[in-house]
Amino acid sequence: MKVEEIRQMFPALSQEVYGKKLVYFDNAATSQRLSSVIECQKDCALGANANIHRAVHKLAVEATKAYEDTRDAVKSFLNVGSRDEIIFTSGTTHSINLAASCFGNAFVNPGDEVIVSESEHHSNIVPWQLMCNRRGATLRVLPVDNDGHLLVDLLEGMLSERTKILAVTQISNVLGIRNPIERIVSICHSKGCKVLVDGAQGAVHGGIDVQETGCDFYAFSGHKVYAATGVGVLYGKKELLEAMPPYMGGGEMIDHVRFSGTTYAPLPEKFEAGTQNFLSVPTLRPALEFAQEVNKDAEVQARQKEIIDYLLDKLGNSPEIRLFGVPRGTEEKIPLFSFCVEGVHHEDLALILDKMGIALRSGQMCAEPLMDRFGVTGMLRASIAPYNTMEEAEYFVKCLDKAAKMLRA
């Protein structure tokens, strides 16, 4: 696929900001929307705006079909064994909170342990802290080295019979390095420890085969993989989901309700209480189809590698720039670069670059412990999607140098 062809699928990319052509390099936070995603949501709102699973009229039947067909699309995207193992949520944060709370209630007791990595997003730290506080468990941390690689060699020594689950990101939203998930899962499973993988960045950058990887849970958001906001996915192994209590009570997640007690619906409805986001969930279908297509497209992947190599060279070899997440080889790195420029505040740089038409992320990237690990208060992050071009990358480097000189003057 030619980059021009891809760009035409994303209407937002044609706009200007402050009289400059938009260069959107904040894809790790939220990707832009496909035309097919926008049309899908519009069609659902206009033609099938009705509550799912309940009524028998035509609109409700069509809305239910669109919603449940999406579950099959996710099943295929993740290579899930059973569609019952797919729970729709509002996003990765909701998915991890659900998993942490319900897994904790079912399996974690006082004195047990949970492990998270030092490179986690707050959404894969705080839910486990809350659960550990409630259950009387201890939270432990798997550290990263100075280049941002997880110290996986330490993991086996951290595990004991009291370690119930490890939560780890597939790809850090700060470091942009692919973590060795299969190795981590293998080590944990050898000690009877379950594994949840945060796939917020991984789903869009290559995806995952959950059966091949063997992870017990996998979470991702639609809005980072070209779909609408307000929709996410939690995959969980069936035997675990069946053993876990519901996260929320309400309509749809029940079998029978009596004042003397309630029985619950089978999976997946057990974890989908209330009115679901039936306008946004179906947008996952065209979004995931596009993601699969570009992930398999040799021309697209070659362009992405060219941009990765270029930015690794320009950012990694500049004496004025400190790059975080330095790969051992380019195959480890996704097109995501977090860095600091000597003598310049990250937010000041972001504000000036914005006036030049370049959208970046600045700050702690919801990873304050990782900022503390590297001794900084924040960073600047450029994250690239298949619709970004080498010309944009070159313009970014040129503007970054210009902005830094302006701020030092």
Protein backbone atom coordinates (compact mmCIF):
# COMPACT_ATOMS: atom_id res chain seq x y z
CA MET A 1 0.00 0.00 0.00
CA LYS A 2 1.28 3.42 -0.96
CA VAL A 3 1.41 5.96 1.85
CA GLU A 4 -0.69 8.39 -0.21
CA GLU A 5 -3.37 5.71 -0.51
CA ILE A 6 -3.35 5.17 3.24
CA ARG A 7 -3.49 8.89 4.02
CA GLN A 8 -6.62 9.27 1.91
CA MET A 9 -8.37 6.86 4.29
CA PHE A 10 -7.88 9.28 7.21
CA PRO A 11 -9.78 12.56 6.68
CA ALA A 12 -8.22 14.34 9.70
CA LEU A 13 -4.77 14.26 8.12
CA SER A 14 -5.75 16.79 5.45
CA GLN A 15 -6.27 19.63 7.95
CA GLU A 16 -3.96 22.50 8.82
CA VAL A 17 -3.08 23.84 12.28
CA TYR A 18 -1.85 27.41 12.67
CA GLY A 19 -1.54 27.61 8.91
CA LYS A 20 0.75 24.58 8.76
CA LYS A 21 0.01 21.15 7.36
CA LEU A 22 -0.73 18.79 10.27
CA VAL A 23 2.02 16.35 11.21
CA TYR A 24 0.32 14.00 13.66
CA PHE A 25 2.94 12.26 15.80
CA ASP A 26 0.78 11.47 18.85
CA ASN A 27 -0.49 8.10 17.69
CA ALA A 28 0.50 6.26 20.87
CA ALA A 29 -2.11 8.33 22.71
CA THR A 30 -4.85 8.15 20.06
CA SER A 31 -4.66 7.20 16.41
CA GLN A 32 -6.66 9.03 13.78
CA ARG A 33 -9.90 7.52 12.49
CA LEU A 34 -10.41 5.66 9.24
CA SER A 35 -13.17 6.88 6.94
CA SER A 36 -14.68 3.40 7.20
CA VAL A 37 -14.70 3.69 11.00
CA ILE A 38 -16.43 7.07 10.85
CA GLU A 39 -19.00 5.73 8.40
CA CYS A 40 -19.56 2.60 10.49
CA GLN A 41 -20.34 4.64 13.59
CA LYS A 42 -22.58 6.96 11.60
CA ASP A 43 -24.47 4.01 10.08
CA CYS A 44 -25.00 2.45 13.50
CA ALA A 45 -26.27 5.75 14.92
CA LEU A 46 -28.67 6.35 12.04
CA GLY A 47 -29.80 2.85 11.17
CA ALA A 48 -29.38 0.65 14.24
CA ASN A 49 -29.59 2.91 17.27
CA ALA A 50 -31.25 0.45 19.63
CA ASN A 51 -30.33 -1.51 22.73
CA ILE A 52 -28.74 -4.86 22.02
CA HIS A 53 -29.67 -8.41 23.10
CA ARG A 54 -33.10 -7.46 24.45
CA ALA A 55 -35.79 -6.26 22.05
CA VAL A 56 -36.97 -8.26 19.04
CA HIS A 57 -37.63 -5.33 16.67
CA LYS A 58 -35.52 -4.86 13.54
CA LEU A 59 -33.24 -2.09 14.82
CA ALA A 60 -32.36 -4.05 17.94
CA VAL A 61 -31.68 -7.19 15.91
CA GLU A 62 -29.36 -5.28 13.56
CA ALA A 63 -27.57 -3.57 16.44
CA THR A 64 -27.07 -6.90 18.17
CA LYS A 65 -25.73 -8.49 15.00
CA ALA A 66 -23.21 -5.67 14.44
CA TYR A 67 -22.07 -5.93 18.06
CA GLU A 68 -21.71 -9.73 18.10
CA ASP A 69 -20.12 -9.88 14.64
CA THR A 70 -17.42 -7.65 16.09
CA ARG A 71 -16.74 -10.22 18.79
CA ASP A 72 -15.99 -12.71 16.01
CA ALA A 73 -13.67 -10.17 14.36
CA VAL A 74 -11.74 -9.74 17.62
CA LYS A 75 -11.62 -13.52 18.02
CA SER A 76 -9.91 -13.76 14.65
CA PHE A 77 -7.59 -10.78 15.29
CA LEU A 78 -6.23 -12.24 18.54
CA ASN A 79 -6.61 -15.92 17.52
CA VAL A 80 -8.82 -16.59 20.51
CA GLY A 81 -10.11 -20.13 21.00
CA SER A 82 -13.66 -19.20 21.98
CA ARG A 83 -15.68 -16.03 21.41
CA ASP A 84 -16.90 -16.42 25.01
CA GLU A 85 -13.40 -15.36 26.10
CA ILE A 86 -13.82 -11.85 24.66
CA ILE A 87 -15.26 -9.15 26.92
CA PHE A 88 -16.06 -5.69 25.56
CA THR A 89 -15.11 -2.78 27.81
CA SER A 90 -14.62 0.98 27.50
CA GLY A 91 -10.86 0.63 26.96
CA THR A 92 -7.62 -0.86 28.27
CA THR A 93 -8.02 0.87 31.63
CA HIS A 94 -11.47 -0.64 32.15
CA SER A 95 -10.21 -4.04 31.00
CA ILE A 96 -7.31 -4.12 33.45
CA ASN A 97 -9.43 -2.84 36.35
CA LEU A 98 -11.97 -5.57 35.64
CA ALA A 99 -9.28 -8.26 35.48
CA ALA A 100 -7.46 -7.06 38.59
CA SER A 101 -10.57 -6.73 40.72
CA CYS A 102 -12.26 -9.97 39.70
CA PHE A 103 -9.08 -12.06 39.59
CA GLY A 104 -8.14 -10.71 43.00
CA ASN A 105 -11.52 -11.57 44.49
CA ALA A 106 -11.27 -15.10 43.14
CA PHE A 107 -7.63 -16.01 43.61
CA VAL A 108 -5.65 -13.56 45.76
CA ASN A 109 -5.43 -13.91 49.55
CA PRO A 110 -3.50 -12.15 52.33
CA GLY A 111 0.23 -12.76 51.95
CA ASP A 112 0.03 -13.43 48.21
CA GLU A 113 2.06 -11.44 45.67
CA VAL A 114 1.49 -9.62 42.38
CA ILE A 115 4.27 -8.45 40.06
CA VAL A 116 4.20 -5.50 37.69
CA SER A 117 7.06 -4.15 35.61
CA GLU A 118 8.76 -0.81 36.12
CA SER A 119 7.78 0.28 32.61
CA GLU A 120 4.02 0.07 33.12
CA HIS A 121 1.41 2.71 32.37
CA HIS A 122 -0.47 3.88 35.45
CA SER A 123 -3.43 1.83 34.23
CA ASN A 124 -1.40 -1.33 34.73
CA ILE A 125 -0.11 -0.28 38.16
CA VAL A 126 -2.90 1.40 40.11
CA PRO A 127 -5.58 -1.31 39.61
CA TRP A 128 -3.17 -3.89 41.04
CA GLN A 129 -2.28 -1.61 43.95
CA LEU A 130 -5.96 -1.18 44.75
CA MET A 131 -6.57 -4.92 44.56
CA CYS A 132 -3.51 -5.72 46.69
CA ASN A 133 -4.66 -3.23 49.32
CA ARG A 134 -8.09 -4.83 49.45
CA ARG A 135 -6.81 -8.41 49.52
CA GLY A 136 -3.79 -7.93 51.80
CA ALA A 137 -1.33 -8.86 49.06
CA THR A 138 2.10 -7.44 48.20
CA LEU A 139 2.97 -5.67 44.95
CA ARG A 140 6.48 -6.32 43.61
CA VAL A 141 8.28 -4.65 40.70
CA LEU A 142 10.33 -6.17 37.87
CA PRO A 143 12.90 -3.46 36.98
CA VAL A 144 14.21 -2.19 33.66
CA ASP A 145 17.84 -1.51 32.75
CA ASN A 146 19.26 1.84 31.65
CA ASP A 147 18.25 1.23 28.03
CA GLY A 148 14.69 0.31 28.96
CA HIS A 149 14.86 -3.48 28.68
CA LEU A 150 13.05 -5.55 31.30
CA LEU A 151 15.48 -7.48 33.49
CA VAL A 152 13.75 -10.75 32.71
CA ASP A 153 16.65 -12.77 34.11
CA LEU A 154 15.53 -11.62 37.56
CA LEU A 155 11.98 -12.84 37.11
CA GLU A 156 12.36 -16.50 38.04
CA GLY A 157 13.97 -15.53 41.35
CA MET A 158 11.06 -13.18 42.12
CA LEU A 159 8.41 -15.88 41.71
CA SER A 160 7.15 -18.06 44.53
CA GLU A 161 4.12 -20.19 45.26
CA ARG A 162 2.48 -17.01 46.59
CA THR A 163 2.89 -15.12 43.27
CA LYS A 164 -0.55 -15.18 41.68
CA ILE A 165 -0.19 -12.97 38.62
CA LEU A 166 2.27 -10.80 36.70
CA ALA A 167 1.03 -7.77 34.73
CA VAL A 168 3.29 -6.56 31.93
CA THR A 169 3.05 -4.33 28.90
CA GLN A 170 3.62 -5.87 25.50
CA ILE A 171 5.25 -2.61 24.38
CA SER A 172 5.88 0.32 26.72
CA ASN A 173 4.10 3.53 25.74
CA VAL A 174 7.28 5.39 26.78
CA LEU A 175 10.13 3.13 25.68
CA GLY A 176 8.72 1.66 22.48
CA ILE A 177 10.55 -1.65 22.96
CA ARG A 178 8.91 -5.01 22.30
CA ASN A 179 9.08 -7.03 25.50
CA PRO A 180 9.78 -10.81 25.30
CA ILE A 181 6.23 -11.78 26.21
CA GLU A 182 6.47 -15.46 25.27
CA ARG A 183 9.55 -15.89 27.46
CA ILE A 184 7.89 -14.05 30.34
CA VAL A 185 4.75 -16.19 30.07
CA SER A 186 6.82 -19.37 29.94
CA ILE A 187 8.77 -18.44 33.09
CA CYS A 188 5.63 -17.45 34.97
CA HIS A 189 3.63 -20.51 33.98
CA SER A 190 6.47 -22.78 35.06
CA LYS A 191 5.88 -21.41 38.57
CA GLY A 192 2.08 -21.45 38.40
CA CYS A 193 1.82 -17.67 37.98
CA LYS A 194 -0.75 -16.17 35.60
CA VAL A 195 0.07 -13.34 33.17
CA LEU A 196 -1.90 -10.32 32.02
CA VAL A 197 -0.52 -8.47 28.99
CA ASP A 198 -1.32 -4.80 28.39
CA GLY A 199 -1.64 -4.64 24.62
CA ALA A 200 -2.56 -0.96 24.29
CA GLN A 201 0.50 -0.39 22.07
CA GLY A 202 1.01 -4.00 20.99
CA ALA A 203 -2.37 -4.48 19.33
CA VAL A 204 -1.63 -1.83 16.72
CA HIS A 205 2.05 -2.72 16.27
CA GLY A 206 1.92 -6.30 15.10
CA GLY A 207 -0.83 -7.63 17.35
CA ILE A 208 -0.58 -10.93 19.19
CA ASP A 209 -1.59 -14.56 18.92
CA VAL A 210 -2.91 -15.27 22.41
CA GLN A 211 -2.93 -19.03 21.94
CA GLU A 212 0.66 -19.10 20.72
CA THR A 213 1.81 -16.67 23.40
CA GLY A 214 -0.16 -18.43 26.12
CA CYS A 215 -1.01 -15.30 28.13
CA ASP A 216 -3.97 -15.60 30.48
CA PHE A 217 -5.36 -12.11 29.87
CA TYR A 218 -4.87 -9.51 27.13
CA ALA A 219 -6.24 -5.97 27.08
CA PHE A 220 -6.35 -3.27 24.39
CA SER A 221 -8.25 -0.14 23.34
CA GLY A 222 -9.98 0.65 20.09
CA HIS A 223 -8.95 4.29 19.92
CA LYS A 224 -5.25 3.38 19.61
CA VAL A 225 -5.91 1.06 16.69
CA TYR A 226 -7.92 3.38 14.39
CA ALA A 227 -11.37 2.63 15.91
CA ALA A 228 -13.72 4.87 17.88
CA THR A 229 -13.15 5.95 21.46
CA GLY A 230 -14.99 4.29 24.32
CA VAL A 231 -14.41 0.69 23.27
CA GLY A 232 -11.87 -1.83 24.51
CA VAL A 233 -11.32 -5.55 24.80
CA LEU A 234 -10.38 -7.94 27.57
CA TYR A 235 -9.44 -11.46 26.54
CA GLY A 236 -9.33 -13.98 29.33
CA LYS A 237 -8.96 -17.75 29.42
CA LYS A 238 -12.36 -19.30 29.85
CA GLU A 239 -11.58 -21.28 32.99
CA LEU A 240 -10.37 -18.12 34.73
CA LEU A 241 -13.29 -15.96 33.63
CA GLU A 242 -15.75 -18.62 34.77
CA ALA A 243 -14.10 -18.79 38.20
CA MET A 244 -14.07 -15.00 38.64
CA PRO A 245 -17.05 -13.12 40.10
CA PRO A 246 -18.73 -10.36 38.05
CA TYR A 247 -17.22 -6.90 38.05
CA MET A 248 -20.51 -4.97 37.91
CA GLY A 249 -24.13 -5.86 38.57
CA GLY A 250 -27.06 -4.82 36.45
CA GLY A 251 -29.00 -5.76 33.37
CA GLU A 252 -27.80 -8.35 30.90
CA MET A 253 -25.22 -10.00 33.20
CA ILE A 254 -27.83 -11.99 35.09
CA ASP A 255 -29.51 -15.37 34.75
CA HIS A 256 -32.19 -15.01 37.43
CA VAL A 257 -32.67 -12.24 39.96
CA ARG A 258 -34.39 -12.89 43.27
CA PHE A 259 -34.25 -10.91 46.49
CA SER A 260 -32.97 -14.13 48.04
CA GLY A 261 -30.04 -14.19 45.58
CA THR A 262 -29.00 -13.80 41.95
CA THR A 263 -27.46 -16.17 39.44
CA TYR A 264 -25.31 -14.90 36.60
CA ALA A 265 -25.37 -15.18 32.84
CA PRO A 266 -22.79 -17.32 31.06
CA LEU A 267 -19.75 -15.78 29.42
CA PRO A 268 -19.29 -13.23 28.00
CA GLU A 269 -22.48 -11.49 29.21
CA LYS A 270 -21.47 -12.12 32.84
CA PHE A 271 -18.96 -9.26 32.53
CA GLU A 272 -20.98 -6.94 30.28
CA ALA A 273 -23.48 -5.33 32.63
CA GLY A 274 -25.79 -2.58 31.44
CA THR A 275 -26.15 -0.90 28.09
CA GLN A 276 -23.03 -1.50 26.05
CA ASN A 277 -21.42 0.96 23.65
CA PHE A 278 -23.18 -0.51 20.63
CA LEU A 279 -22.32 2.49 18.43
CA SER A 280 -18.55 2.23 18.94
CA VAL A 281 -17.92 -1.50 19.34
CA PRO A 282 -18.72 -2.27 15.66
CA THR A 283 -16.03 0.20 14.54
CA LEU A 284 -13.45 -2.33 15.73
CA ARG A 285 -14.23 -4.49 12.69
CA PRO A 286 -13.01 -2.13 9.93
CA ALA A 287 -10.23 -0.87 12.21
CA LEU A 288 -8.83 -4.31 12.94
CA GLU A 289 -9.14 -5.30 9.29
CA PHE A 290 -7.01 -2.29 8.36
CA ALA A 291 -4.51 -3.01 11.14
CA GLN A 292 -4.08 -6.59 9.96
CA GLU A 293 -3.64 -5.42 6.38
CA VAL A 294 -0.89 -2.87 7.12
CA ASN A 295 0.86 -5.20 9.56
CA LYS A 296 1.20 -7.76 6.78
CA ASP A 297 2.03 -5.30 4.00
CA ALA A 298 5.75 -5.53 3.17
CA GLU A 299 5.86 -2.05 1.63
CA VAL A 300 4.25 -0.47 4.70
CA GLN A 301 6.59 -2.28 7.06
CA ALA A 302 9.62 -1.29 5.00
CA ARG A 303 8.58 2.39 5.22
CA GLN A 304 8.08 2.08 8.97
CA LYS A 305 11.55 0.55 9.38
CA GLU A 306 13.08 3.33 7.31
CA ILE A 307 11.54 5.95 9.61
CA ILE A 308 12.62 4.01 12.72
CA ASP A 309 16.20 3.81 11.46
CA TYR A 310 16.22 7.50 10.56
CA LEU A 311 14.87 8.71 13.91
CA LEU A 312 17.06 6.32 15.90
CA ASP A 313 20.04 7.83 14.13
CA LYS A 314 18.98 11.47 14.50
CA LEU A 315 17.72 11.26 18.07
CA GLY A 316 20.04 8.56 19.36
CA ASN A 317 23.26 10.09 18.11
CA SER A 318 22.66 13.73 18.99
CA PRO A 319 24.83 14.92 21.92
CA GLU A 320 22.00 17.22 23.02
CA ILE A 321 19.29 14.54 23.11
CA ARG A 322 18.77 11.77 25.64
CA LEU A 323 16.74 8.96 24.08
CA PHE A 324 14.83 6.55 26.31
CA GLY A 325 14.24 3.02 25.07
CA VAL A 326 17.37 2.10 23.12
CA PRO A 327 16.90 -1.21 21.27
CA ARG A 328 19.49 -3.94 20.84
CA GLY A 329 18.27 -4.22 17.26
CA THR A 330 15.74 -2.29 15.19
CA GLU A 331 13.36 -5.29 15.19
CA GLU A 332 12.81 -4.61 18.91
CA LYS A 333 11.72 -1.03 18.33
CA ILE A 334 8.36 0.29 17.23
CA PRO A 335 8.20 3.81 15.73
CA LEU A 336 7.86 5.49 19.14
CA PHE A 337 10.56 7.77 20.53
CA SER A 338 10.64 9.39 23.96
CA PHE A 339 13.44 11.80 24.68
CA CYS A 340 14.66 14.90 26.48
CA VAL A 341 16.60 17.78 24.95
CA GLU A 342 19.39 19.19 27.09
CA GLY A 343 18.61 22.55 28.65
CA VAL A 344 15.05 22.71 27.31
CA HIS A 345 11.77 21.85 29.02
CA HIS A 346 9.73 19.20 27.21
CA GLU A 347 6.46 21.16 27.40
CA ASP A 348 8.03 24.32 25.99
CA LEU A 349 9.30 22.28 23.05
CA ALA A 350 5.88 20.70 22.51
CA LEU A 351 4.18 24.11 22.47
CA ILE A 352 6.56 25.53 19.87
CA LEU A 353 6.40 22.39 17.72
CA ASP A 354 2.61 22.59 17.86
CA LYS A 355 2.81 26.07 16.28
CA MET A 356 4.89 24.45 13.53
CA GLY A 357 2.07 21.97 12.87
CA ILE A 358 3.58 19.00 14.74
CA ALA A 359 1.43 17.22 17.31
CA LEU A 360 3.51 15.45 19.98
CA ARG A 361 2.98 14.26 23.55
CA SER A 362 4.86 15.86 26.41
CA GLY A 363 4.88 15.08 30.13
CA GLN A 364 4.98 11.88 32.15
CA MET A 365 2.99 9.76 29.66
CA CYS A 366 1.05 8.26 32.60
CA ALA A 367 4.23 6.51 33.71
CA GLU A 368 5.52 8.49 36.69
CA PRO A 369 7.49 5.56 38.22
CA LEU A 370 9.38 5.22 34.95
CA MET A 371 10.12 8.96 34.94
CA ASP A 372 11.50 8.55 38.47
CA ARG A 373 13.58 5.58 37.28
CA PHE A 374 15.31 7.77 34.69
CA GLY A 375 15.48 10.87 36.89
CA VAL A 376 13.32 13.17 34.78
CA THR A 377 10.08 15.07 35.36
CA GLY A 378 8.80 14.37 31.86
CA MET A 379 9.72 13.64 28.26
CA LEU A 380 8.74 14.48 24.71
CA ARG A 381 7.30 11.63 22.65
CA ALA A 382 6.94 11.18 18.90
CA SER A 383 4.89 8.15 17.87
CA ILE A 384 4.46 7.20 14.23
CA ALA A 385 1.66 5.41 12.34
CA PRO A 386 1.57 3.86 8.84
CA TYR A 387 0.05 7.09 7.48
CA ASN A 388 3.11 9.10 8.51
CA THR A 389 5.86 9.78 5.98
CA MET A 390 9.63 10.14 5.86
CA GLU A 391 9.10 13.75 4.79
CA GLU A 392 7.20 14.35 8.03
CA ALA A 393 9.98 12.72 10.04
CA GLU A 394 12.59 14.93 8.37
CA TYR A 395 10.45 18.02 8.96
CA PHE A 396 10.08 17.03 12.62
CA VAL A 397 13.84 16.72 13.11
CA LYS A 398 14.41 20.07 11.43
CA CYS A 399 11.74 21.78 13.55
CA LEU A 400 12.98 20.14 16.76
CA ASP A 401 16.43 21.59 16.20
CA LYS A 402 14.99 25.01 15.38
CA ALA A 403 12.69 25.01 18.44
CA ALA A 404 15.52 23.99 20.78
CA LYS A 405 17.72 26.80 19.50
CA MET A 406 14.89 29.30 19.93
CA LEU A 407 14.39 28.25 23.56
CA ARG A 408 18.10 28.45 24.33
CA ALA A 409 18.48 31.90 22.79
